[in-house]
């Protein structure tokens, strides 16, 4: 169910999404200086998109911490340019003690 799209296309889609979020928040009167640090990076958005596609392909079940780790790790393996972002996000995933 996952689509085969180049990283450049995924980044362009993520950039469009981020631009839309920024536009809407500014249109609602928010100051960009107040929220820009809260927004994910382009590569983070790409990882989130790929992660969501994997979860959908797995029956939309919320992944366990171990499954979350495997999904993110596989994204890093499939898209080496995203490896740094994946590992940073993996640092935010709490894995159960073995």
PDB file of N, CA and C in Angstrom:
ATOM      1  N   UNK A   1       0.810  -1.199   0.000  1.00  0.00           N
ATOM      2  CA  UNK A   1       0.000   0.000   0.000  1.00  0.00           C
ATOM      3  C   UNK A   1       0.854   1.264   0.000  1.00  0.00           C
ATOM      4  N   UNK A   2       2.132   1.151   0.384  1.00  0.00           N
ATOM      5  CA  UNK A   2       2.975   2.335   0.379  1.00  0.00           C
ATOM      6  C   UNK A   2       3.312   2.710  -1.056  1.00  0.00           C
ATOM      7  N   UNK A   3       3.488   3.975  -1.288  1.00  0.00           N
ATOM      8  CA  UNK A   3       3.770   4.450  -2.632  1.00  0.00           C
ATOM      9  C   UNK A   3       5.266   4.636  -2.817  1.00  0.00           C
ATOM     10  N   UNK A   4       5.708   4.434  -4.021  1.00  0.00           N
ATOM     11  CA  UNK A   4       7.106   4.625  -4.359  1.00  0.00           C
ATOM     12  C   UNK A   4       7.265   6.022  -4.959  1.00  0.00           C
ATOM     13  N   UNK A   5       7.727   6.948  -4.157  1.00  0.00           N
ATOM     14  CA  UNK A   5       7.893   8.329  -4.577  1.00  0.00           C
ATOM     15  C   UNK A   5       9.290   8.769  -4.153  1.00  0.00           C
ATOM     16  N   UNK A   6       9.896   9.604  -4.966  1.00  0.00           N
ATOM     17  CA  UNK A   6      11.234  10.070  -4.637  1.00  0.00           C
ATOM     18  C   UNK A   6      11.212  10.971  -3.402  1.00  0.00           C
ATOM     19  N   UNK A   7      12.335  11.031  -2.753  1.00  0.00           N
ATOM     20  CA  UNK A   7      12.458  11.876  -1.569  1.00  0.00           C
ATOM     21  C   UNK A   7      12.222  13.342  -1.926  1.00  0.00           C
ATOM     22  N   UNK A   8      12.626  13.751  -3.109  1.00  0.00           N
ATOM     23  CA  UNK A   8      12.415  15.138  -3.532  1.00  0.00           C
ATOM     24  C   UNK A   8      10.933  15.465  -3.619  1.00  0.00           C
ATOM     25  N   UNK A   9      10.141  14.535  -4.129  1.00  0.00           N
ATOM     26  CA  UNK A   9       8.694  14.750  -4.221  1.00  0.00           C
ATOM     27  C   UNK A   9       8.081  14.799  -2.822  1.00  0.00           C
ATOM     28  N   UNK A  10       8.507  13.893  -1.954  1.00  0.00           N
ATOM     29  CA  UNK A  10       8.004  13.890  -0.577  1.00  0.00           C
ATOM     30  C   UNK A  10       8.353  15.192   0.129  1.00  0.00           C
ATOM     31  N   UNK A  11       9.559  15.673  -0.085  1.00  0.00           N
ATOM     32  CA  UNK A  11       9.956  16.945   0.528  1.00  0.00           C
ATOM     33  C   UNK A  11       9.145  18.109  -0.034  1.00  0.00           C
ATOM     34  N   UNK A  12       8.855  18.086  -1.323  1.00  0.00           N
ATOM     35  CA  UNK A  12       8.039  19.155  -1.922  1.00  0.00           C
ATOM     36  C   UNK A  12       6.627  19.136  -1.338  1.00  0.00           C
ATOM     37  N   UNK A  13       6.060  17.949  -1.176  1.00  0.00           N
ATOM     38  CA  UNK A  13       4.732  17.846  -0.552  1.00  0.00           C
ATOM     39  C   UNK A  13       4.762  18.362   0.881  1.00  0.00           C
ATOM     40  N   UNK A  14       5.800  18.004   1.612  1.00  0.00           N
ATOM     41  CA  UNK A  14       5.925  18.454   3.002  1.00  0.00           C
ATOM     42  C   UNK A  14       6.093  19.975   3.059  1.00  0.00           C
ATOM     43  N   UNK A  15       6.857  20.530   2.131  1.00  0.00           N
ATOM     44  CA  UNK A  15       7.048  21.985   2.083  1.00  0.00           C
ATOM     45  C   UNK A  15       5.706  22.681   1.833  1.00  0.00           C
ATOM     46  N   UNK A  16       4.915  22.138   0.911  1.00  0.00           N
ATOM     47  CA  UNK A  16       3.593  22.706   0.638  1.00  0.00           C
ATOM     48  C   UNK A  16       2.709  22.658   1.885  1.00  0.00           C
ATOM     49  N   UNK A  17       2.747  21.541   2.586  1.00  0.00           N
ATOM     50  CA  UNK A  17       1.951  21.396   3.810  1.00  0.00           C
ATOM     51  C   UNK A  17       2.402  22.406   4.869  1.00  0.00           C
ATOM     52  N   UNK A  18       3.703  22.526   5.046  1.00  0.00           N
ATOM     53  CA  UNK A  18       4.231  23.468   6.030  1.00  0.00           C
ATOM     54  C   UNK A  18       3.882  24.900   5.658  1.00  0.00           C
ATOM     55  N   UNK A  19       3.990  25.233   4.373  1.00  0.00           N
ATOM     56  CA  UNK A  19       3.619  26.576   3.917  1.00  0.00           C
ATOM     57  C   UNK A  19       2.154  26.872   4.226  1.00  0.00           C
ATOM     58  N   UNK A  20       1.300  25.877   4.055  1.00  0.00           N
ATOM     59  CA  UNK A  20      -0.122  26.042   4.330  1.00  0.00           C
ATOM     60  C   UNK A  20      -0.368  26.295   5.818  1.00  0.00           C
ATOM     61  N   UNK A  21       0.315  25.539   6.660  1.00  0.00           N
ATOM     62  CA  UNK A  21       0.174  25.716   8.109  1.00  0.00           C
ATOM     63  C   UNK A  21       0.631  27.117   8.512  1.00  0.00           C
ATOM     64  N   UNK A  22       1.764  27.547   7.982  1.00  0.00           N
ATOM     65  CA  UNK A  22       2.286  28.880   8.306  1.00  0.00           C
ATOM     66  C   UNK A  22       1.303  29.956   7.842  1.00  0.00           C
ATOM     67  N   UNK A  23       0.806  29.822   6.619  1.00  0.00           N
ATOM     68  CA  UNK A  23      -0.143  30.798   6.075  1.00  0.00           C
ATOM     69  C   UNK A  23      -1.389  30.888   6.952  1.00  0.00           C
ATOM     70  N   UNK A  24      -1.956  29.747   7.301  1.00  0.00           N
ATOM     71  CA  UNK A  24      -3.187  29.726   8.099  1.00  0.00           C
ATOM     72  C   UNK A  24      -2.972  30.337   9.484  1.00  0.00           C
ATOM     73  N   UNK A  25      -1.858  30.004  10.088  1.00  0.00           N
ATOM     74  CA  UNK A  25      -1.610  30.554  11.426  1.00  0.00           C
ATOM     75  C   UNK A  25      -1.398  32.060  11.366  1.00  0.00           C
ATOM     76  N   UNK A  26      -0.706  32.535  10.336  1.00  0.00           N
ATOM     77  CA  UNK A  26      -0.524  33.986  10.178  1.00  0.00           C
ATOM     78  C   UNK A  26      -1.863  34.656   9.876  1.00  0.00           C
ATOM     79  N   UNK A  27      -2.649  34.020   9.053  1.00  0.00           N
ATOM     80  CA  UNK A  27      -3.964  34.563   8.711  1.00  0.00           C
ATOM     81  C   UNK A  27      -4.863  34.664   9.934  1.00  0.00           C
ATOM     82  N   UNK A  28      -4.658  33.769  10.895  1.00  0.00           N
ATOM     83  CA  UNK A  28      -5.434  33.800  12.139  1.00  0.00           C
ATOM     84  C   UNK A  28      -4.845  34.762  13.161  1.00  0.00           C
ATOM     85  N   UNK A  29      -3.858  35.536  12.736  1.00  0.00           N
ATOM     86  CA  UNK A  29      -3.325  36.585  13.588  1.00  0.00           C
ATOM     87  C   UNK A  29      -2.137  36.200  14.444  1.00  0.00           C
ATOM     88  N   UNK A  30      -1.624  34.999  14.287  1.00  0.00           N
ATOM     89  CA  UNK A  30      -0.471  34.592  15.085  1.00  0.00           C
ATOM     90  C   UNK A  30       0.813  35.187  14.503  1.00  0.00           C
ATOM     91  N   UNK A  31       1.718  35.508  15.372  1.00  0.00           N
ATOM     92  CA  UNK A  31       3.014  36.040  14.969  1.00  0.00           C
ATOM     93  C   UNK A  31       3.952  34.868  14.679  1.00  0.00           C
ATOM     94  N   UNK A  32       4.539  34.826  13.479  1.00  0.00           N
ATOM     95  CA  UNK A  32       5.437  33.711  13.141  1.00  0.00           C
ATOM     96  C   UNK A  32       6.584  33.532  14.136  1.00  0.00           C
ATOM     97  N   UNK A  33       7.031  34.610  14.754  1.00  0.00           N
ATOM     98  CA  UNK A  33       8.104  34.501  15.739  1.00  0.00           C
ATOM     99  C   UNK A  33       7.665  33.682  16.948  1.00  0.00           C
ATOM    100  N   UNK A  34       6.366  33.616  17.176  1.00  0.00           N
ATOM    101  CA  UNK A  34       5.851  32.881  18.326  1.00  0.00           C
ATOM    102  C   UNK A  34       5.665  31.394  18.065  1.00  0.00           C
ATOM    103  N   UNK A  35       5.532  30.978  16.794  1.00  0.00           N
ATOM    104  CA  UNK A  35       5.231  29.569  16.546  1.00  0.00           C
ATOM    105  C   UNK A  35       6.200  28.834  15.626  1.00  0.00           C
ATOM    106  N   UNK A  36       7.093  29.509  14.965  1.00  0.00           N
ATOM    107  CA  UNK A  36       7.960  28.831  13.990  1.00  0.00           C
ATOM    108  C   UNK A  36       8.810  27.735  14.634  1.00  0.00           C
ATOM    109  N   UNK A  37       9.253  27.952  15.873  1.00  0.00           N
ATOM    110  CA  UNK A  37      10.067  26.930  16.546  1.00  0.00           C
ATOM    111  C   UNK A  37       9.270  25.678  16.891  1.00  0.00           C
ATOM    112  N   UNK A  38       7.939  25.786  16.938  1.00  0.00           N
ATOM    113  CA  UNK A  38       7.079  24.641  17.261  1.00  0.00           C
ATOM    114  C   UNK A  38       6.873  23.719  16.068  1.00  0.00           C
ATOM    115  N   UNK A  39       7.050  24.245  14.869  1.00  0.00           N
ATOM    116  CA  UNK A  39       6.740  23.484  13.660  1.00  0.00           C
ATOM    117  C   UNK A  39       7.827  22.466  13.350  1.00  0.00           C
ATOM    118  N   UNK A  40       7.428  21.317  12.828  1.00  0.00           N
ATOM    119  CA  UNK A  40       8.432  20.317  12.448  1.00  0.00           C
ATOM    120  C   UNK A  40       9.191  20.772  11.208  1.00  0.00           C
ATOM    121  N   UNK A  41      10.358  20.192  11.017  1.00  0.00           N
ATOM    122  CA  UNK A  41      11.137  20.474   9.814  1.00  0.00           C
ATOM    123  C   UNK A  41      10.516  19.738   8.624  1.00  0.00           C
ATOM    124  N   UNK A  42      10.969  20.070   7.441  1.00  0.00           N
ATOM    125  CA  UNK A  42      10.496  19.389   6.228  1.00  0.00           C
ATOM    126  C   UNK A  42      10.762  17.894   6.339  1.00  0.00           C
ATOM    127  N   UNK A  43      11.974  17.519   6.735  1.00  0.00           N
ATOM    128  CA  UNK A  43      12.305  16.094   6.835  1.00  0.00           C
ATOM    129  C   UNK A  43      11.481  15.398   7.923  1.00  0.00           C
ATOM    130  N   UNK A  44      11.189  16.090   9.021  1.00  0.00           N
ATOM    131  CA  UNK A  44      10.321  15.497  10.040  1.00  0.00           C
ATOM    132  C   UNK A  44       8.929  15.231   9.474  1.00  0.00           C
ATOM    133  N   UNK A  45       8.415  16.175   8.707  1.00  0.00           N
ATOM    134  CA  UNK A  45       7.108  15.964   8.082  1.00  0.00           C
ATOM    135  C   UNK A  45       7.139  14.771   7.132  1.00  0.00           C
ATOM    136  N   UNK A  46       8.226  14.627   6.378  1.00  0.00           N
ATOM    137  CA  UNK A  46       8.347  13.483   5.468  1.00  0.00           C
ATOM    138  C   UNK A  46       8.348  12.180   6.262  1.00  0.00           C
ATOM    139  N   UNK A  47       9.099  12.135   7.352  1.00  0.00           N
ATOM    140  CA  UNK A  47       9.129  10.930   8.184  1.00  0.00           C
ATOM    141  C   UNK A  47       7.741  10.647   8.749  1.00  0.00           C
ATOM    142  N   UNK A  48       7.049  11.670   9.215  1.00  0.00           N
ATOM    143  CA  UNK A  48       5.688  11.482   9.740  1.00  0.00           C
ATOM    144  C   UNK A  48       4.755  10.934   8.664  1.00  0.00           C
ATOM    145  N   UNK A  49       4.888  11.445   7.432  1.00  0.00           N
ATOM    146  CA  UNK A  49       4.062  10.964   6.327  1.00  0.00           C
ATOM    147  C   UNK A  49       4.337   9.482   6.052  1.00  0.00           C
ATOM    148  N   UNK A  50       5.611   9.128   5.956  1.00  0.00           N
ATOM    149  CA  UNK A  50       5.972   7.735   5.702  1.00  0.00           C
ATOM    150  C   UNK A  50       5.537   6.829   6.849  1.00  0.00           C
ATOM    151  N   UNK A  51       5.651   7.323   8.062  1.00  0.00           N
ATOM    152  CA  UNK A  51       5.214   6.567   9.239  1.00  0.00           C
ATOM    153  C   UNK A  51       3.709   6.323   9.177  1.00  0.00           C
ATOM    154  N   UNK A  52       2.960   7.374   8.847  1.00  0.00           N
ATOM    155  CA  UNK A  52       1.501   7.243   8.759  1.00  0.00           C
ATOM    156  C   UNK A  52       1.102   6.233   7.692  1.00  0.00           C
ATOM    157  N   UNK A  53       1.802   6.226   6.565  1.00  0.00           N
ATOM    158  CA  UNK A  53       1.504   5.260   5.512  1.00  0.00           C
ATOM    159  C   UNK A  53       1.740   3.830   6.001  1.00  0.00           C
ATOM    160  N   UNK A  54       2.798   3.626   6.779  1.00  0.00           N
ATOM    161  CA  UNK A  54       3.070   2.288   7.320  1.00  0.00           C
ATOM    162  C   UNK A  54       1.995   1.864   8.316  1.00  0.00           C
ATOM    163  N   UNK A  55       1.552   2.789   9.134  1.00  0.00           N
ATOM    164  CA  UNK A  55       0.505   2.477  10.111  1.00  0.00           C
ATOM    165  C   UNK A  55      -0.798   2.143   9.390  1.00  0.00           C
ATOM    166  N   UNK A  56      -1.129   2.906   8.359  1.00  0.00           N
ATOM    167  CA  UNK A  56      -2.334   2.606   7.576  1.00  0.00           C
ATOM    168  C   UNK A  56      -2.230   1.229   6.922  1.00  0.00           C
ATOM    169  N   UNK A  57      -1.057   0.913   6.412  1.00  0.00           N
ATOM    170  CA  UNK A  57      -0.851  -0.384   5.763  1.00  0.00           C
ATOM    171  C   UNK A  57      -0.957  -1.527   6.765  1.00  0.00           C
ATOM    172  N   UNK A  58      -0.769  -1.224   8.039  1.00  0.00           N
ATOM    173  CA  UNK A  58      -0.833  -2.231   9.097  1.00  0.00           C
ATOM    174  C   UNK A  58      -2.207  -2.236   9.776  1.00  0.00           C
ATOM    175  N   UNK A  59      -3.221  -1.790   9.061  1.00  0.00           N
ATOM    176  CA  UNK A  59      -4.576  -1.825   9.597  1.00  0.00           C
ATOM    177  C   UNK A  59      -4.912  -0.685  10.534  1.00  0.00           C
ATOM    178  N   UNK A  60      -4.164   0.386  10.479  1.00  0.00           N
ATOM    179  CA  UNK A  60      -4.388   1.585  11.300  1.00  0.00           C
ATOM    180  C   UNK A  60      -4.288   1.322  12.793  1.00  0.00           C
ATOM    181  N   UNK A  61      -3.622   0.263  13.166  1.00  0.00           N
ATOM    182  CA  UNK A  61      -3.404  -0.042  14.581  1.00  0.00           C
ATOM    183  C   UNK A  61      -2.314   0.872  15.130  1.00  0.00           C
ATOM    184  N   UNK A  62      -2.547   1.441  16.298  1.00  0.00           N
ATOM    185  CA  UNK A  62      -1.507   2.245  16.943  1.00  0.00           C
ATOM    186  C   UNK A  62      -0.320   1.333  17.242  1.00  0.00           C
ATOM    187  N   UNK A  63       0.859   1.722  16.809  1.00  0.00           N
ATOM    188  CA  UNK A  63       2.004   0.839  17.003  1.00  0.00           C
ATOM    189  C   UNK A  63       2.496   0.837  18.448  1.00  0.00           C
ATOM    190  N   UNK A  64       2.998  -0.322  18.854  1.00  0.00           N
ATOM    191  CA  UNK A  64       3.664  -0.408  20.151  1.00  0.00           C
ATOM    192  C   UNK A  64       4.989   0.354  20.028  1.00  0.00           C
ATOM    193  N   UNK A  65       5.651   0.556  21.137  1.00  0.00           N
ATOM    194  CA  UNK A  65       6.940   1.250  21.100  1.00  0.00           C
ATOM    195  C   UNK A  65       7.941   0.488  20.242  1.00  0.00           C
ATOM    196  N   UNK A  66       7.927  -0.830  20.342  1.00  0.00           N
ATOM    197  CA  UNK A  66       8.851  -1.636  19.542  1.00  0.00           C
ATOM    198  C   UNK A  66       8.525  -1.527  18.058  1.00  0.00           C
ATOM    199  N   UNK A  67       7.240  -1.549  17.719  1.00  0.00           N
ATOM    200  CA  UNK A  67       6.834  -1.406  16.310  1.00  0.00           C
ATOM    201  C   UNK A  67       7.172  -0.014  15.804  1.00  0.00           C
ATOM    202  N   UNK A  68       6.959   0.986  16.628  1.00  0.00           N
ATOM    203  CA  UNK A  68       7.314   2.368  16.271  1.00  0.00           C
ATOM    204  C   UNK A  68       8.799   2.452  15.925  1.00  0.00           C
ATOM    205  N   UNK A  69       9.627   1.834  16.747  1.00  0.00           N
ATOM    206  CA  UNK A  69      11.070   1.810  16.511  1.00  0.00           C
ATOM    207  C   UNK A  69      11.368   1.160  15.156  1.00  0.00           C
ATOM    208  N   UNK A  70      10.739   0.013  14.885  1.00  0.00           N
ATOM    209  CA  UNK A  70      10.998  -0.693  13.621  1.00  0.00           C
ATOM    210  C   UNK A  70      10.539   0.127  12.415  1.00  0.00           C
ATOM    211  N   UNK A  71       9.384   0.780  12.535  1.00  0.00           N
ATOM    212  CA  UNK A  71       8.889   1.616  11.434  1.00  0.00           C
ATOM    213  C   UNK A  71       9.875   2.736  11.143  1.00  0.00           C
ATOM    214  N   UNK A  72      10.254   3.460  12.180  1.00  0.00           N
ATOM    215  CA  UNK A  72      11.162   4.598  11.983  1.00  0.00           C
ATOM    216  C   UNK A  72      12.524   4.132  11.476  1.00  0.00           C
ATOM    217  N   UNK A  73      13.008   3.044  12.026  1.00  0.00           N
ATOM    218  CA  UNK A  73      14.305   2.519  11.586  1.00  0.00           C
ATOM    219  C   UNK A  73      14.253   2.122  10.116  1.00  0.00           C
ATOM    220  N   UNK A  74      13.166   1.503   9.689  1.00  0.00           N
ATOM    221  CA  UNK A  74      13.035   1.107   8.289  1.00  0.00           C
ATOM    222  C   UNK A  74      12.978   2.324   7.378  1.00  0.00           C
ATOM    223  N   UNK A  75      12.332   3.388   7.824  1.00  0.00           N
ATOM    224  CA  UNK A  75      12.304   4.629   7.033  1.00  0.00           C
ATOM    225  C   UNK A  75      13.726   5.135   6.833  1.00  0.00           C
ATOM    226  N   UNK A  76      14.521   5.107   7.893  1.00  0.00           N
ATOM    227  CA  UNK A  76      15.913   5.531   7.784  1.00  0.00           C
ATOM    228  C   UNK A  76      16.710   4.654   6.833  1.00  0.00           C
ATOM    229  N   UNK A  77      16.442   3.357   6.850  1.00  0.00           N
ATOM    230  CA  UNK A  77      17.136   2.439   5.942  1.00  0.00           C
ATOM    231  C   UNK A  77      16.688   2.654   4.496  1.00  0.00           C
ATOM    232  N   UNK A  78      15.402   2.896   4.289  1.00  0.00           N
ATOM    233  CA  UNK A  78      14.871   3.094   2.946  1.00  0.00           C
ATOM    234  C   UNK A  78      15.262   4.446   2.350  1.00  0.00           C
ATOM    235  N   UNK A  79      15.452   5.436   3.208  1.00  0.00           N
ATOM    236  CA  UNK A  79      15.768   6.804   2.774  1.00  0.00           C
ATOM    237  C   UNK A  79      16.966   7.319   3.569  1.00  0.00           C
ATOM    238  N   UNK A  80      18.183   6.965   3.150  1.00  0.00           N
ATOM    239  CA  UNK A  80      19.374   7.335   3.920  1.00  0.00           C
ATOM    240  C   UNK A  80      19.500   8.830   4.218  1.00  0.00           C
ATOM    241  N   UNK A  81      18.971   9.685   3.348  1.00  0.00           N
ATOM    242  CA  UNK A  81      19.042  11.128   3.608  1.00  0.00           C
ATOM    243  C   UNK A  81      18.203  11.547   4.812  1.00  0.00           C
ATOM    244  N   UNK A  82      17.295  10.677   5.243  1.00  0.00           N
ATOM    245  CA  UNK A  82      16.447  10.977   6.400  1.00  0.00           C
ATOM    246  C   UNK A  82      16.974  10.344   7.690  1.00  0.00           C
ATOM    247  N   UNK A  83      18.099   9.662   7.618  1.00  0.00           N
ATOM    248  CA  UNK A  83      18.606   8.914   8.769  1.00  0.00           C
ATOM    249  C   UNK A  83      18.800   9.790  10.003  1.00  0.00           C
ATOM    250  N   UNK A  84      19.395  10.962   9.840  1.00  0.00           N
ATOM    251  CA  UNK A  84      19.602  11.848  10.986  1.00  0.00           C
ATOM    252  C   UNK A  84      18.291  12.251  11.640  1.00  0.00           C
ATOM    253  N   UNK A  85      17.308  12.568  10.823  1.00  0.00           N
ATOM    254  CA  UNK A  85      15.991  12.935  11.339  1.00  0.00           C
ATOM    255  C   UNK A  85      15.348  11.759  12.042  1.00  0.00           C
ATOM    256  N   UNK A  86      15.448  10.576  11.433  1.00  0.00           N
ATOM    257  CA  UNK A  86      14.863   9.373  12.037  1.00  0.00           C
ATOM    258  C   UNK A  86      15.481   9.115  13.405  1.00  0.00           C
ATOM    259  N   UNK A  87      16.784   9.180  13.506  1.00  0.00           N
ATOM    260  CA  UNK A  87      17.427   8.896  14.788  1.00  0.00           C
ATOM    261  C   UNK A  87      17.082   9.942  15.837  1.00  0.00           C
ATOM    262  N   UNK A  88      16.921  11.191  15.404  1.00  0.00           N
ATOM    263  CA  UNK A  88      16.495  12.233  16.355  1.00  0.00           C
ATOM    264  C   UNK A  88      15.079  11.927  16.866  1.00  0.00           C
ATOM    265  N   UNK A  89      14.193  11.511  15.960  1.00  0.00           N
ATOM    266  CA  UNK A  89      12.831  11.161  16.365  1.00  0.00           C
ATOM    267  C   UNK A  89      12.817   9.892  17.215  1.00  0.00           C
ATOM    268  N   UNK A  90      13.695   8.964  16.915  1.00  0.00           N
ATOM    269  CA  UNK A  90      13.774   7.746  17.724  1.00  0.00           C
ATOM    270  C   UNK A  90      14.164   8.072  19.164  1.00  0.00           C
ATOM    271  N   UNK A  91      14.920   9.127  19.347  1.00  0.00           N
ATOM    272  CA  UNK A  91      15.283   9.550  20.692  1.00  0.00           C
ATOM    273  C   UNK A  91      14.081  10.017  21.490  1.00  0.00           C
ATOM    274  N   UNK A  92      12.971  10.315  20.794  1.00  0.00           N
ATOM    275  CA  UNK A  92      11.755  10.754  21.459  1.00  0.00           C
ATOM    276  C   UNK A  92      10.807   9.597  21.746  1.00  0.00           C
ATOM    277  N   UNK A  93      11.098   8.406  21.201  1.00  0.00           N
ATOM    278  CA  UNK A  93      10.254   7.237  21.393  1.00  0.00           C
ATOM    279  C   UNK A  93      10.731   6.513  22.638  1.00  0.00           C
ATOM    280  N   UNK A  94       9.819   6.267  23.565  1.00  0.00           N
ATOM    281  CA  UNK A  94      10.192   5.537  24.768  1.00  0.00           C
ATOM    282  C   UNK A  94       9.979   4.044  24.537  1.00  0.00           C
ATOM    283  N   UNK A  95      11.067   3.310  24.545  1.00  0.00           N
ATOM    284  CA  UNK A  95      11.019   1.871  24.325  1.00  0.00           C
ATOM    285  C   UNK A  95      10.971   1.153  25.658  1.00  0.00           C
ATOM    286  N   UNK A  96      10.267   0.039  25.727  1.00  0.00           N
ATOM    287  CA  UNK A  96      10.218  -0.716  26.976  1.00  0.00           C
ATOM    288  C   UNK A  96      11.586  -1.312  27.295  1.00  0.00           C
ATOM    289  N   UNK A  97      11.876  -1.437  28.569  1.00  0.00           N
ATOM    290  CA  UNK A  97      13.133  -2.056  28.990  1.00  0.00           C
ATOM    291  C   UNK A  97      13.097  -3.534  28.637  1.00  0.00           C
ATOM    292  N   UNK A  98      14.237  -4.030  28.206  1.00  0.00           N
ATOM    293  CA  UNK A  98      14.311  -5.447  27.854  1.00  0.00           C
ATOM    294  C   UNK A  98      14.758  -6.275  29.006  1.00  0.00           C
TER     295      UNK A  98
END
